[in-house]
Amino acid sequence: MHTINQYREPIELPARVIKDLKRIKALGNINMYSKNQILVTCINLGYNSTAIWLSDNFYLYLKGMEKEF
């Protein structure tokens, strides 16, 4: 787990989720604020556990985006 937010309460994201999201972001054609686009991309790339985590924790993901992972 990685702690994202150092000034408020810690936000914990699994290391695998962060790794997969960085790969998706590197594609350059995905809106990283669109839950649907990210989930479809996760499924297409075989990142099923990341898709499940995002589906259950999208609010935490958005909080992590504030810190740009």
Protein backbone atom coordinates (compact mmCIF):
# COMPACT_ATOMS: atom_id res chain seq x y z
CA MET A 1 0.00 0.00 0.00
CA HIS A 2 1.11 3.54 -0.73
CA THR A 3 0.11 6.61 1.23
CA ILE A 4 -0.86 9.38 -1.16
CA ASN A 5 -1.91 12.37 0.92
CA GLN A 6 0.75 13.58 3.36
CA TYR A 7 -1.13 16.59 4.78
CA ARG A 8 -4.53 15.12 5.58
CA GLU A 9 -5.55 11.63 6.59
CA PRO A 10 -3.58 9.00 4.64
CA ILE A 11 -5.13 7.52 1.51
CA GLU A 12 -4.08 3.93 0.91
CA LEU A 13 -3.95 2.60 -2.64
CA PRO A 14 -2.65 -0.88 -3.46
CA ALA A 15 0.71 -0.81 -5.24
CA ARG A 16 -0.71 -2.88 -8.11
CA VAL A 17 -3.50 -0.34 -8.68
CA ILE A 18 -1.00 2.52 -8.85
CA LYS A 19 1.20 0.56 -11.26
CA ASP A 20 -1.73 -0.26 -13.56
CA LEU A 21 -3.05 3.31 -13.47
CA LYS A 22 0.36 4.68 -14.43
CA ARG A 23 0.39 2.33 -17.43
CA ILE A 24 -3.09 3.46 -18.44
CA LYS A 25 -2.14 7.12 -18.07
CA ALA A 26 0.93 6.54 -20.26
CA LEU A 27 -1.36 5.48 -23.12
CA GLY A 28 -2.24 9.17 -23.39
CA ASN A 29 -5.72 8.78 -24.82
CA ILE A 30 -7.72 7.99 -21.67
CA ASN A 31 -9.56 10.60 -19.62
CA MET A 32 -8.20 9.76 -16.17
CA TYR A 33 -11.25 11.38 -14.53
CA SER A 34 -13.72 9.19 -16.44
CA LYS A 35 -14.60 6.13 -14.40
CA ASN A 36 -16.12 4.39 -17.43
CA GLN A 37 -13.09 4.96 -19.68
CA ILE A 38 -10.69 3.74 -17.02
CA LEU A 39 -12.76 0.65 -16.22
CA VAL A 40 -13.12 -0.31 -19.90
CA THR A 41 -9.37 0.14 -20.40
CA CYS A 42 -8.60 -1.93 -17.29
CA ILE A 43 -10.76 -4.76 -18.57
CA ASN A 44 -9.32 -4.56 -22.10
CA LEU A 45 -5.77 -4.73 -20.72
CA GLY A 46 -6.59 -7.55 -18.29
CA TYR A 47 -6.24 -5.41 -15.15
CA ASN A 48 -9.29 -7.03 -13.61
CA SER A 49 -8.30 -6.58 -9.96
CA THR A 50 -7.63 -2.88 -10.61
CA ALA A 51 -11.03 -2.54 -12.30
CA ILE A 52 -12.73 -4.07 -9.27
CA TRP A 53 -10.79 -1.86 -6.86
CA LEU A 54 -11.66 1.28 -8.88
CA SER A 55 -15.31 0.30 -9.07
CA ASP A 56 -15.44 -0.01 -5.29
CA ASN A 57 -13.14 2.93 -4.42
CA PHE A 58 -13.48 5.59 -7.12
CA TYR A 59 -13.72 8.36 -4.52
CA LEU A 60 -10.33 7.33 -3.08
CA TYR A 61 -8.91 7.21 -6.60
CA LEU A 62 -10.05 10.79 -7.23
CA LYS A 63 -8.47 11.89 -3.95
CA GLY A 64 -5.26 10.23 -5.12
CA MET A 65 -5.46 12.11 -8.41
CA GLU A 66 -5.22 15.34 -6.41
CA LYS A 67 -1.70 14.25 -5.47
CA GLU A 68 -0.99 12.85 -8.96
CA PHE A 69 0.05 9.49 -7.47
